[in-house]
């Protein structure tokens, strides 16, 4: 009877020890830090312009974009890149024309800073 009691006691001790060890293994691991995001103003996704924006006319000091389903402020980013590449100048909106098929043409001119 004494042997039976020792076996039961050691079995319950092993069970408790195993439970404690398993509880220790499930401790919370530190969460990985989120990837740093770039400021919204520096991100420009050119894929959304494909098929929606075309260059209708261009010279060294002006550019005209024809666009549909895109906002004019998004097209102005393209114009500012164009003017930066052609003499490090700023782009200014000159006019917007609306056509029957809901397409628009925005005219920009490049001027010194």
PDB file of N, CA and C in Angstrom:
ATOM      1  N   UNK A   1       0.820  -1.169   0.000  1.00  0.00           N
ATOM      2  CA  UNK A   1       0.000   0.000   0.000  1.00  0.00           C
ATOM      3  C   UNK A   1       0.880   1.254   0.000  1.00  0.00           C
ATOM      4  N   UNK A   2       1.961   1.213   0.698  1.00  0.00           N
ATOM      5  CA  UNK A   2       2.878   2.336   0.735  1.00  0.00           C
ATOM      6  C   UNK A   2       3.488   2.577  -0.635  1.00  0.00           C
ATOM      7  N   UNK A   3       3.804   1.478  -1.366  1.00  0.00           N
ATOM      8  CA  UNK A   3       4.346   1.613  -2.707  1.00  0.00           C
ATOM      9  C   UNK A   3       3.320   2.247  -3.633  1.00  0.00           C
ATOM     10  N   UNK A   4       2.099   1.866  -3.528  1.00  0.00           N
ATOM     11  CA  UNK A   4       1.021   2.386  -4.359  1.00  0.00           C
ATOM     12  C   UNK A   4       0.843   3.890  -4.105  1.00  0.00           C
ATOM     13  N   UNK A   5       0.943   4.279  -2.867  1.00  0.00           N
ATOM     14  CA  UNK A   5       0.796   5.689  -2.524  1.00  0.00           C
ATOM     15  C   UNK A   5       1.945   6.516  -3.097  1.00  0.00           C
ATOM     16  N   UNK A   6       3.190   5.979  -3.042  1.00  0.00           N
ATOM     17  CA  UNK A   6       4.355   6.681  -3.579  1.00  0.00           C
ATOM     18  C   UNK A   6       4.243   6.827  -5.105  1.00  0.00           C
ATOM     19  N   UNK A   7       3.735   5.793  -5.761  1.00  0.00           N
ATOM     20  CA  UNK A   7       3.591   5.840  -7.215  1.00  0.00           C
ATOM     21  C   UNK A   7       2.555   6.891  -7.599  1.00  0.00           C
ATOM     22  N   UNK A   8       1.425   6.928  -6.881  1.00  0.00           N
ATOM     23  CA  UNK A   8       0.383   7.906  -7.183  1.00  0.00           C
ATOM     24  C   UNK A   8       0.892   9.318  -6.926  1.00  0.00           C
ATOM     25  N   UNK A   9       1.640   9.471  -5.805  1.00  0.00           N
ATOM     26  CA  UNK A   9       2.161  10.786  -5.453  1.00  0.00           C
ATOM     27  C   UNK A   9       3.181  11.245  -6.497  1.00  0.00           C
ATOM     28  N   UNK A  10       4.079  10.366  -6.930  1.00  0.00           N
ATOM     29  CA  UNK A  10       5.092  10.751  -7.913  1.00  0.00           C
ATOM     30  C   UNK A  10       4.447  10.996  -9.278  1.00  0.00           C
ATOM     31  N   UNK A  11       3.394  10.258  -9.601  1.00  0.00           N
ATOM     32  CA  UNK A  11       2.694  10.468 -10.861  1.00  0.00           C
ATOM     33  C   UNK A  11       2.004  11.837 -10.858  1.00  0.00           C
ATOM     34  N   UNK A  12       1.396  12.199  -9.737  1.00  0.00           N
ATOM     35  CA  UNK A  12       0.746  13.510  -9.676  1.00  0.00           C
ATOM     36  C   UNK A  12       1.779  14.626  -9.660  1.00  0.00           C
ATOM     37  N   UNK A  13       2.928  14.399  -9.071  1.00  0.00           N
ATOM     38  CA  UNK A  13       3.995  15.406  -9.073  1.00  0.00           C
ATOM     39  C   UNK A  13       4.546  15.590 -10.483  1.00  0.00           C
ATOM     40  N   UNK A  14       4.692  14.502 -11.209  1.00  0.00           N
ATOM     41  CA  UNK A  14       5.178  14.593 -12.592  1.00  0.00           C
ATOM     42  C   UNK A  14       4.159  15.336 -13.447  1.00  0.00           C
ATOM     43  N   UNK A  15       2.869  15.051 -13.216  1.00  0.00           N
ATOM     44  CA  UNK A  15       1.815  15.748 -13.960  1.00  0.00           C
ATOM     45  C   UNK A  15       1.836  17.246 -13.683  1.00  0.00           C
ATOM     46  N   UNK A  16       1.982  17.631 -12.419  1.00  0.00           N
ATOM     47  CA  UNK A  16       2.044  19.060 -12.066  1.00  0.00           C
ATOM     48  C   UNK A  16       3.280  19.719 -12.656  1.00  0.00           C
ATOM     49  N   UNK A  17       4.394  18.999 -12.609  1.00  0.00           N
ATOM     50  CA  UNK A  17       5.637  19.533 -13.165  1.00  0.00           C
ATOM     51  C   UNK A  17       5.511  19.731 -14.680  1.00  0.00           C
ATOM     52  N   UNK A  18       4.903  18.760 -15.345  1.00  0.00           N
ATOM     53  CA  UNK A  18       4.707  18.869 -16.785  1.00  0.00           C
ATOM     54  C   UNK A  18       3.787  20.050 -17.112  1.00  0.00           C
ATOM     55  N   UNK A  19       2.746  20.238 -16.300  1.00  0.00           N
ATOM     56  CA  UNK A  19       1.829  21.354 -16.510  1.00  0.00           C
ATOM     57  C   UNK A  19       2.542  22.692 -16.336  1.00  0.00           C
ATOM     58  N   UNK A  20       3.388  22.800 -15.334  1.00  0.00           N
ATOM     59  CA  UNK A  20       4.148  24.031 -15.119  1.00  0.00           C
ATOM     60  C   UNK A  20       5.128  24.296 -16.263  1.00  0.00           C
ATOM     61  N   UNK A  21       5.771  23.236 -16.734  1.00  0.00           N
ATOM     62  CA  UNK A  21       6.713  23.412 -17.838  1.00  0.00           C
ATOM     63  C   UNK A  21       5.991  23.849 -19.116  1.00  0.00           C
ATOM     64  N   UNK A  22       4.819  23.259 -19.373  1.00  0.00           N
ATOM     65  CA  UNK A  22       4.060  23.649 -20.557  1.00  0.00           C
ATOM     66  C   UNK A  22       3.550  25.081 -20.452  1.00  0.00           C
ATOM     67  N   UNK A  23       3.167  25.480 -19.264  1.00  0.00           N
ATOM     68  CA  UNK A  23       2.702  26.848 -19.077  1.00  0.00           C
ATOM     69  C   UNK A  23       3.836  27.832 -19.324  1.00  0.00           C
ATOM     70  N   UNK A  24       5.034  27.453 -18.939  1.00  0.00           N
ATOM     71  CA  UNK A  24       6.197  28.305 -19.178  1.00  0.00           C
ATOM     72  C   UNK A  24       6.541  28.397 -20.657  1.00  0.00           C
ATOM     73  N   UNK A  25       6.270  27.357 -21.425  1.00  0.00           N
ATOM     74  CA  UNK A  25       6.567  27.361 -22.855  1.00  0.00           C
ATOM     75  C   UNK A  25       5.603  28.241 -23.629  1.00  0.00           C
ATOM     76  N   UNK A  26       4.455  28.512 -23.099  1.00  0.00           N
ATOM     77  CA  UNK A  26       3.471  29.295 -23.815  1.00  0.00           C
ATOM     78  C   UNK A  26       3.521  30.773 -23.435  1.00  0.00           C
ATOM     79  N   UNK A  27       4.641  31.204 -22.916  1.00  0.00           N
ATOM     80  CA  UNK A  27       4.737  32.622 -22.560  1.00  0.00           C
ATOM     81  C   UNK A  27       4.676  33.465 -23.831  1.00  0.00           C
ATOM     82  N   UNK A  28       4.145  34.640 -23.693  1.00  0.00           N
ATOM     83  CA  UNK A  28       3.945  35.509 -24.849  1.00  0.00           C
ATOM     84  C   UNK A  28       5.278  35.953 -25.409  1.00  0.00           C
ATOM     85  N   UNK A  29       5.440  35.794 -26.717  1.00  0.00           N
ATOM     86  CA  UNK A  29       6.647  36.254 -27.377  1.00  0.00           C
ATOM     87  C   UNK A  29       6.420  37.686 -27.820  1.00  0.00           C
ATOM     88  N   UNK A  30       7.444  38.484 -27.857  1.00  0.00           N
ATOM     89  CA  UNK A  30       7.249  39.882 -28.269  1.00  0.00           C
ATOM     90  C   UNK A  30       6.763  39.944 -29.718  1.00  0.00           C
ATOM     91  N   UNK A  31       5.815  40.838 -29.938  1.00  0.00           N
ATOM     92  CA  UNK A  31       5.266  41.021 -31.279  1.00  0.00           C
ATOM     93  C   UNK A  31       6.305  41.751 -32.133  1.00  0.00           C
ATOM     94  N   UNK A  32       6.438  41.369 -33.400  1.00  0.00           N
ATOM     95  CA  UNK A  32       7.383  42.096 -34.254  1.00  0.00           C
ATOM     96  C   UNK A  32       6.889  43.521 -34.491  1.00  0.00           C
ATOM     97  N   UNK A  33       7.804  44.428 -34.561  1.00  0.00           N
ATOM     98  CA  UNK A  33       7.450  45.835 -34.763  1.00  0.00           C
ATOM     99  C   UNK A  33       6.870  46.005 -36.163  1.00  0.00           C
ATOM    100  N   UNK A  34       5.824  46.826 -36.319  1.00  0.00           N
ATOM    101  CA  UNK A  34       5.258  47.039 -37.653  1.00  0.00           C
ATOM    102  C   UNK A  34       6.272  47.732 -38.551  1.00  0.00           C
ATOM    103  N   UNK A  35       6.208  47.410 -39.830  1.00  0.00           N
ATOM    104  CA  UNK A  35       7.127  48.014 -40.795  1.00  0.00           C
ATOM    105  C   UNK A  35       6.870  49.513 -40.863  1.00  0.00           C
ATOM    106  N   UNK A  36       7.920  50.300 -40.874  1.00  0.00           N
ATOM    107  CA  UNK A  36       7.712  51.748 -40.944  1.00  0.00           C
ATOM    108  C   UNK A  36       7.088  52.120 -42.282  1.00  0.00           C
ATOM    109  N   UNK A  37       6.074  52.986 -42.216  1.00  0.00           N
ATOM    110  CA  UNK A  37       5.394  53.421 -43.426  1.00  0.00           C
ATOM    111  C   UNK A  37       5.934  54.773 -43.843  1.00  0.00           C
ATOM    112  N   UNK A  38       6.014  54.946 -45.150  1.00  0.00           N
ATOM    113  CA  UNK A  38       6.462  56.229 -45.668  1.00  0.00           C
ATOM    114  C   UNK A  38       5.342  57.248 -45.516  1.00  0.00           C
ATOM    115  N   UNK A  39       5.679  58.495 -45.392  1.00  0.00           N
ATOM    116  CA  UNK A  39       4.633  59.510 -45.349  1.00  0.00           C
ATOM    117  C   UNK A  39       3.785  59.442 -46.613  1.00  0.00           C
ATOM    118  N   UNK A  40       2.507  59.780 -46.456  1.00  0.00           N
ATOM    119  CA  UNK A  40       1.567  59.623 -47.561  1.00  0.00           C
ATOM    120  C   UNK A  40       1.929  60.488 -48.754  1.00  0.00           C
ATOM    121  N   UNK A  41       2.539  61.604 -48.532  1.00  0.00           N
ATOM    122  CA  UNK A  41       2.884  62.499 -49.625  1.00  0.00           C
ATOM    123  C   UNK A  41       3.999  61.972 -50.508  1.00  0.00           C
ATOM    124  N   UNK A  42       4.805  61.041 -50.022  1.00  0.00           N
ATOM    125  CA  UNK A  42       5.925  60.542 -50.793  1.00  0.00           C
ATOM    126  C   UNK A  42       5.580  59.287 -51.581  1.00  0.00           C
ATOM    127  N   UNK A  43       4.421  58.701 -51.360  1.00  0.00           N
ATOM    128  CA  UNK A  43       4.027  57.508 -52.090  1.00  0.00           C
ATOM    129  C   UNK A  43       3.270  57.915 -53.336  1.00  0.00           C
ATOM    130  N   UNK A  44       3.666  57.348 -54.457  1.00  0.00           N
ATOM    131  CA  UNK A  44       2.973  57.627 -55.704  1.00  0.00           C
ATOM    132  C   UNK A  44       2.864  56.322 -56.467  1.00  0.00           C
ATOM    133  N   UNK A  45       1.658  55.830 -56.608  1.00  0.00           N
ATOM    134  CA  UNK A  45       1.416  54.568 -57.286  1.00  0.00           C
ATOM    135  C   UNK A  45       1.081  54.859 -58.742  1.00  0.00           C
ATOM    136  N   UNK A  46       2.060  54.639 -59.617  1.00  0.00           N
ATOM    137  CA  UNK A  46       1.871  54.956 -61.027  1.00  0.00           C
ATOM    138  C   UNK A  46       0.928  53.972 -61.716  1.00  0.00           C
ATOM    139  N   UNK A  47       0.690  52.817 -61.138  1.00  0.00           N
ATOM    140  CA  UNK A  47      -0.155  51.816 -61.787  1.00  0.00           C
ATOM    141  C   UNK A  47      -1.601  52.293 -61.915  1.00  0.00           C
ATOM    142  N   UNK A  48      -2.042  53.196 -61.053  1.00  0.00           N
ATOM    143  CA  UNK A  48      -3.428  53.665 -61.159  1.00  0.00           C
ATOM    144  C   UNK A  48      -3.622  54.651 -62.299  1.00  0.00           C
ATOM    145  N   UNK A  49      -2.519  55.157 -62.882  1.00  0.00           N
ATOM    146  CA  UNK A  49      -2.610  56.079 -64.003  1.00  0.00           C
ATOM    147  C   UNK A  49      -2.640  55.361 -65.351  1.00  0.00           C
ATOM    148  N   UNK A  50      -2.247  54.087 -65.347  1.00  0.00           N
ATOM    149  CA  UNK A  50      -2.179  53.331 -66.602  1.00  0.00           C
ATOM    150  C   UNK A  50      -3.581  53.165 -67.174  1.00  0.00           C
ATOM    151  N   UNK A  51      -3.768  53.575 -68.397  1.00  0.00           N
ATOM    152  CA  UNK A  51      -5.060  53.479 -69.060  1.00  0.00           C
ATOM    153  C   UNK A  51      -6.034  54.584 -68.698  1.00  0.00           C
ATOM    154  N   UNK A  52      -5.677  55.424 -67.738  1.00  0.00           N
ATOM    155  CA  UNK A  52      -6.572  56.507 -67.315  1.00  0.00           C
ATOM    156  C   UNK A  52      -6.018  57.881 -67.639  1.00  0.00           C
ATOM    157  N   UNK A  53      -4.703  57.986 -67.815  1.00  0.00           N
ATOM    158  CA  UNK A  53      -4.056  59.268 -68.073  1.00  0.00           C
ATOM    159  C   UNK A  53      -3.128  59.111 -69.273  1.00  0.00           C
ATOM    160  N   UNK A  54      -3.242  60.032 -70.223  1.00  0.00           N
ATOM    161  CA  UNK A  54      -2.314  60.060 -71.352  1.00  0.00           C
ATOM    162  C   UNK A  54      -1.789  61.477 -71.505  1.00  0.00           C
ATOM    163  N   UNK A  55      -0.614  61.585 -72.107  1.00  0.00           N
ATOM    164  CA  UNK A  55      -0.049  62.897 -72.396  1.00  0.00           C
ATOM    165  C   UNK A  55      -0.584  63.312 -73.756  1.00  0.00           C
ATOM    166  N   UNK A  56      -1.404  64.341 -73.791  1.00  0.00           N
ATOM    167  CA  UNK A  56      -2.010  64.798 -75.035  1.00  0.00           C
ATOM    168  C   UNK A  56      -1.055  65.701 -75.820  1.00  0.00           C
ATOM    169  N   UNK A  57      -0.381  66.596 -75.122  1.00  0.00           N
ATOM    170  CA  UNK A  57       0.582  67.515 -75.741  1.00  0.00           C
ATOM    171  C   UNK A  57       1.685  67.782 -74.739  1.00  0.00           C
ATOM    172  N   UNK A  58       2.875  68.071 -75.288  1.00  0.00           N
ATOM    173  CA  UNK A  58       3.965  68.460 -74.388  1.00  0.00           C
ATOM    174  C   UNK A  58       4.991  69.283 -75.146  1.00  0.00           C
ATOM    175  N   UNK A  59       5.529  70.263 -74.454  1.00  0.00           N
ATOM    176  CA  UNK A  59       6.664  71.054 -74.920  1.00  0.00           C
ATOM    177  C   UNK A  59       7.630  71.130 -73.748  1.00  0.00           C
ATOM    178  N   UNK A  60       8.670  71.916 -73.911  1.00  0.00           N
ATOM    179  CA  UNK A  60       9.624  72.028 -72.807  1.00  0.00           C
ATOM    180  C   UNK A  60       9.056  72.812 -71.630  1.00  0.00           C
ATOM    181  N   UNK A  61       8.024  73.643 -71.888  1.00  0.00           N
ATOM    182  CA  UNK A  61       7.477  74.459 -70.807  1.00  0.00           C
ATOM    183  C   UNK A  61       6.004  74.202 -70.506  1.00  0.00           C
ATOM    184  N   UNK A  62       5.339  73.326 -71.265  1.00  0.00           N
ATOM    185  CA  UNK A  62       3.938  72.998 -70.981  1.00  0.00           C
ATOM    186  C   UNK A  62       3.711  71.495 -71.157  1.00  0.00           C
ATOM    187  N   UNK A  63       2.676  71.016 -70.496  1.00  0.00           N
ATOM    188  CA  UNK A  63       2.252  69.625 -70.654  1.00  0.00           C
ATOM    189  C   UNK A  63       0.738  69.589 -70.474  1.00  0.00           C
ATOM    190  N   UNK A  64       0.073  68.788 -71.316  1.00  0.00           N
ATOM    191  CA  UNK A  64      -1.379  68.642 -71.254  1.00  0.00           C
ATOM    192  C   UNK A  64      -1.682  67.165 -71.068  1.00  0.00           C
ATOM    193  N   UNK A  65      -2.416  66.860 -70.006  1.00  0.00           N
ATOM    194  CA  UNK A  65      -2.814  65.481 -69.717  1.00  0.00           C
ATOM    195  C   UNK A  65      -4.301  65.315 -69.996  1.00  0.00           C
ATOM    196  N   UNK A  66      -4.646  64.211 -70.655  1.00  0.00           N
ATOM    197  CA  UNK A  66      -6.050  63.842 -70.822  1.00  0.00           C
ATOM    198  C   UNK A  66      -6.294  62.681 -69.870  1.00  0.00           C
ATOM    199  N   UNK A  67      -7.361  62.786 -69.078  1.00  0.00           N
ATOM    200  CA  UNK A  67      -7.572  61.793 -68.030  1.00  0.00           C
ATOM    201  C   UNK A  67      -9.050  61.529 -67.797  1.00  0.00           C
ATOM    202  N   UNK A  68      -9.311  60.398 -67.162  1.00  0.00           N
ATOM    203  CA  UNK A  68     -10.667  59.991 -66.783  1.00  0.00           C
ATOM    204  C   UNK A  68     -10.559  59.099 -65.553  1.00  0.00           C
ATOM    205  N   UNK A  69     -11.499  59.239 -64.620  1.00  0.00           N
ATOM    206  CA  UNK A  69     -11.533  58.462 -63.370  1.00  0.00           C
ATOM    207  C   UNK A  69     -10.316  58.706 -62.488  1.00  0.00           C
ATOM    208  N   UNK A  70      -9.726  59.879 -62.601  1.00  0.00           N
ATOM    209  CA  UNK A  70      -8.601  60.281 -61.752  1.00  0.00           C
ATOM    210  C   UNK A  70      -8.857  61.733 -61.371  1.00  0.00           C
ATOM    211  N   UNK A  71      -8.468  62.109 -60.174  1.00  0.00           N
ATOM    212  CA  UNK A  71      -8.650  63.501 -59.742  1.00  0.00           C
ATOM    213  C   UNK A  71      -7.538  64.385 -60.302  1.00  0.00           C
ATOM    214  N   UNK A  72      -7.844  65.655 -60.462  1.00  0.00           N
ATOM    215  CA  UNK A  72      -6.873  66.586 -61.043  1.00  0.00           C
ATOM    216  C   UNK A  72      -5.679  66.782 -60.107  1.00  0.00           C
ATOM    217  N   UNK A  73      -5.866  66.672 -58.803  1.00  0.00           N
ATOM    218  CA  UNK A  73      -4.721  66.818 -57.898  1.00  0.00           C
ATOM    219  C   UNK A  73      -3.742  65.659 -58.055  1.00  0.00           C
ATOM    220  N   UNK A  74      -4.240  64.489 -58.459  1.00  0.00           N
ATOM    221  CA  UNK A  74      -3.343  63.366 -58.726  1.00  0.00           C
ATOM    222  C   UNK A  74      -2.596  63.575 -60.041  1.00  0.00           C
ATOM    223  N   UNK A  75      -3.267  64.147 -61.025  1.00  0.00           N
ATOM    224  CA  UNK A  75      -2.617  64.446 -62.300  1.00  0.00           C
ATOM    225  C   UNK A  75      -1.576  65.541 -62.106  1.00  0.00           C
ATOM    226  N   UNK A  76      -1.828  66.456 -61.191  1.00  0.00           N
ATOM    227  CA  UNK A  76      -0.868  67.535 -60.946  1.00  0.00           C
ATOM    228  C   UNK A  76       0.457  66.996 -60.403  1.00  0.00           C
ATOM    229  N   UNK A  77       0.415  65.859 -59.739  1.00  0.00           N
ATOM    230  CA  UNK A  77       1.667  65.239 -59.300  1.00  0.00           C
ATOM    231  C   UNK A  77       2.508  64.818 -60.502  1.00  0.00           C
ATOM    232  N   UNK A  78       1.849  64.289 -61.524  1.00  0.00           N
ATOM    233  CA  UNK A  78       2.565  63.927 -62.749  1.00  0.00           C
ATOM    234  C   UNK A  78       3.151  65.169 -63.416  1.00  0.00           C
ATOM    235  N   UNK A  79       2.378  66.246 -63.442  1.00  0.00           N
ATOM    236  CA  UNK A  79       2.857  67.492 -64.042  1.00  0.00           C
ATOM    237  C   UNK A  79       4.052  68.050 -63.267  1.00  0.00           C
ATOM    238  N   UNK A  80       4.004  67.957 -61.958  1.00  0.00           N
ATOM    239  CA  UNK A  80       5.131  68.473 -61.172  1.00  0.00           C
ATOM    240  C   UNK A  80       6.390  67.644 -61.414  1.00  0.00           C
ATOM    241  N   UNK A  81       6.240  66.336 -61.586  1.00  0.00           N
ATOM    242  CA  UNK A  81       7.400  65.499 -61.922  1.00  0.00           C
ATOM    243  C   UNK A  81       7.942  65.858 -63.309  1.00  0.00           C
ATOM    244  N   UNK A  82       7.043  66.108 -64.252  1.00  0.00           N
ATOM    245  CA  UNK A  82       7.442  66.500 -65.600  1.00  0.00           C
ATOM    246  C   UNK A  82       8.241  67.802 -65.561  1.00  0.00           C
ATOM    247  N   UNK A  83       7.744  68.782 -64.855  1.00  0.00           N
ATOM    248  CA  UNK A  83       8.430  70.080 -64.791  1.00  0.00           C
ATOM    249  C   UNK A  83       9.757  69.983 -64.041  1.00  0.00           C
ATOM    250  N   UNK A  84       9.816  69.134 -63.038  1.00  0.00           N
ATOM    251  CA  UNK A  84      11.083  68.930 -62.326  1.00  0.00           C
ATOM    252  C   UNK A  84      12.127  68.334 -63.265  1.00  0.00           C
ATOM    253  N   UNK A  85      11.699  67.396 -64.101  1.00  0.00           N
ATOM    254  CA  UNK A  85      12.623  66.755 -65.040  1.00  0.00           C
ATOM    255  C   UNK A  85      13.024  67.680 -66.188  1.00  0.00           C
ATOM    256  N   UNK A  86      12.243  68.692 -66.471  1.00  0.00           N
ATOM    257  CA  UNK A  86      12.520  69.620 -67.564  1.00  0.00           C
ATOM    258  C   UNK A  86      12.898  70.999 -67.017  1.00  0.00           C
ATOM    259  N   UNK A  87      13.971  71.066 -66.319  1.00  0.00           N
ATOM    260  CA  UNK A  87      14.507  72.352 -65.869  1.00  0.00           C
ATOM    261  C   UNK A  87      14.302  72.657 -64.408  1.00  0.00           C
ATOM    262  N   UNK A  88      13.963  71.672 -63.598  1.00  0.00           N
ATOM    263  CA  UNK A  88      13.806  71.871 -62.151  1.00  0.00           C
ATOM    264  C   UNK A  88      12.858  73.040 -61.856  1.00  0.00           C
ATOM    265  N   UNK A  89      11.671  72.981 -62.463  1.00  0.00           N
ATOM    266  CA  UNK A  89      10.690  74.063 -62.310  1.00  0.00           C
ATOM    267  C   UNK A  89       9.426  73.534 -61.642  1.00  0.00           C
ATOM    268  N   UNK A  90       8.544  74.438 -61.257  1.00  0.00           N
ATOM    269  CA  UNK A  90       7.254  74.089 -60.654  1.00  0.00           C
ATOM    270  C   UNK A  90       6.183  74.014 -61.728  1.00  0.00           C
ATOM    271  N   UNK A  91       5.158  73.190 -61.485  1.00  0.00           N
ATOM    272  CA  UNK A  91       4.028  73.065 -62.404  1.00  0.00           C
ATOM    273  C   UNK A  91       2.855  73.874 -61.870  1.00  0.00           C
ATOM    274  N   UNK A  92       2.227  74.617 -62.773  1.00  0.00           N
ATOM    275  CA  UNK A  92       1.055  75.419 -62.414  1.00  0.00           C
ATOM    276  C   UNK A  92      -0.097  75.046 -63.348  1.00  0.00           C
ATOM    277  N   UNK A  93      -1.269  74.845 -62.760  1.00  0.00           N
ATOM    278  CA  UNK A  93      -2.450  74.502 -63.540  1.00  0.00           C
ATOM    279  C   UNK A  93      -2.943  75.735 -64.283  1.00  0.00           C
ATOM    280  N   UNK A  94      -3.082  75.585 -65.591  1.00  0.00           N
ATOM    281  CA  UNK A  94      -3.549  76.703 -66.408  1.00  0.00           C
ATOM    282  C   UNK A  94      -5.057  76.616 -66.639  1.00  0.00           C
ATOM    283  N   UNK A  95      -5.549  75.456 -67.108  1.00  0.00           N
ATOM    284  CA  UNK A  95      -6.979  75.295 -67.340  1.00  0.00           C
ATOM    285  C   UNK A  95      -7.343  73.818 -67.408  1.00  0.00           C
ATOM    286  N   UNK A  96      -8.649  73.567 -67.246  1.00  0.00           N
ATOM    287  CA  UNK A  96      -9.207  72.219 -67.360  1.00  0.00           C
ATOM    288  C   UNK A  96     -10.363  72.281 -68.349  1.00  0.00           C
ATOM    289  N   UNK A  97     -10.355  71.411 -69.338  1.00  0.00           N
ATOM    290  CA  UNK A  97     -11.445  71.319 -70.310  1.00  0.00           C
ATOM    291  C   UNK A  97     -12.180  70.009 -70.106  1.00  0.00           C
ATOM    292  N   UNK A  98     -13.513  70.057 -70.126  1.00  0.00           N
ATOM    293  CA  UNK A  98     -14.352  68.873 -69.984  1.00  0.00           C
ATOM    294  C   UNK A  98     -14.946  68.528 -71.338  1.00  0.00           C
ATOM    295  N   UNK A  99     -14.888  67.243 -71.687  1.00  0.00           N
ATOM    296  CA  UNK A  99     -15.430  66.774 -72.954  1.00  0.00           C
ATOM    297  C   UNK A  99     -16.661  65.908 -72.712  1.00  0.00           C
ATOM    298  N   UNK A 100     -17.407  65.592 -73.811  1.00  0.00           N
ATOM    299  CA  UNK A 100     -18.668  64.856 -73.705  1.00  0.00           C
ATOM    300  C   UNK A 100     -18.512  63.487 -73.036  1.00  0.00           C
ATOM    301  N   UNK A 101     -17.452  62.806 -73.327  1.00  0.00           N
ATOM    302  CA  UNK A 101     -17.274  61.447 -72.813  1.00  0.00           C
ATOM    303  C   UNK A 101     -16.689  61.406 -71.393  1.00  0.00           C
ATOM    304  N   UNK A 102     -16.854  62.504 -70.647  1.00  0.00           N
ATOM    305  CA  UNK A 102     -16.362  62.648 -69.270  1.00  0.00           C
ATOM    306  C   UNK A 102     -14.837  62.594 -69.170  1.00  0.00           C
ATOM    307  N   UNK A 103     -14.168  62.780 -70.270  1.00  0.00           N
ATOM    308  CA  UNK A 103     -12.715  62.909 -70.224  1.00  0.00           C
ATOM    309  C   UNK A 103     -12.391  64.387 -70.029  1.00  0.00           C
ATOM    310  N   UNK A 104     -11.285  64.625 -69.404  1.00  0.00           N
ATOM    311  CA  UNK A 104     -10.865  66.002 -69.132  1.00  0.00           C
ATOM    312  C   UNK A 104      -9.439  66.197 -69.649  1.00  0.00           C
ATOM    313  N   UNK A 105      -9.131  67.429 -69.948  1.00  0.00           N
ATOM    314  CA  UNK A 105      -7.759  67.792 -70.298  1.00  0.00           C
ATOM    315  C   UNK A 105      -7.315  68.896 -69.353  1.00  0.00           C
ATOM    316  N   UNK A 106      -6.219  68.655 -68.702  1.00  0.00           N
ATOM    317  CA  UNK A 106      -5.644  69.644 -67.790  1.00  0.00           C
ATOM    318  C   UNK A 106      -4.343  70.154 -68.387  1.00  0.00           C
ATOM    319  N   UNK A 107      -4.241  71.458 -68.526  1.00  0.00           N
ATOM    320  CA  UNK A 107      -3.045  72.098 -69.076  1.00  0.00           C
ATOM    321  C   UNK A 107      -2.222  72.668 -67.930  1.00  0.00           C
ATOM    322  N   UNK A 108      -0.943  72.334 -67.919  1.00  0.00           N
ATOM    323  CA  UNK A 108      -0.013  72.829 -66.907  1.00  0.00           C
ATOM    324  C   UNK A 108       1.136  73.550 -67.611  1.00  0.00           C
ATOM    325  N   UNK A 109       1.637  74.603 -66.997  1.00  0.00           N
ATOM    326  CA  UNK A 109       2.839  75.235 -67.504  1.00  0.00           C
ATOM    327  C   UNK A 109       3.904  75.193 -66.430  1.00  0.00           C
ATOM    328  N   UNK A 110       5.132  75.109 -66.892  1.00  0.00           N
ATOM    329  CA  UNK A 110       6.276  75.027 -65.986  1.00  0.00           C
ATOM    330  C   UNK A 110       6.898  76.404 -65.858  1.00  0.00           C
ATOM    331  N   UNK A 111       7.162  76.816 -64.636  1.00  0.00           N
ATOM    332  CA  UNK A 111       7.750  78.121 -64.393  1.00  0.00           C
ATOM    333  C   UNK A 111       8.823  77.990 -63.326  1.00  0.00           C
ATOM    334  N   UNK A 112       9.776  78.892 -63.390  1.00  0.00           N
ATOM    335  CA  UNK A 112      10.871  78.878 -62.401  1.00  0.00           C
ATOM    336  C   UNK A 112      10.323  79.074 -61.006  1.00  0.00           C
ATOM    337  N   UNK A 113      11.067  78.585 -60.060  1.00  0.00           N
ATOM    338  CA  UNK A 113      10.626  78.654 -58.657  1.00  0.00           C
ATOM    339  C   UNK A 113      10.592  80.057 -58.127  1.00  0.00           C
TER     340      UNK A 113
END
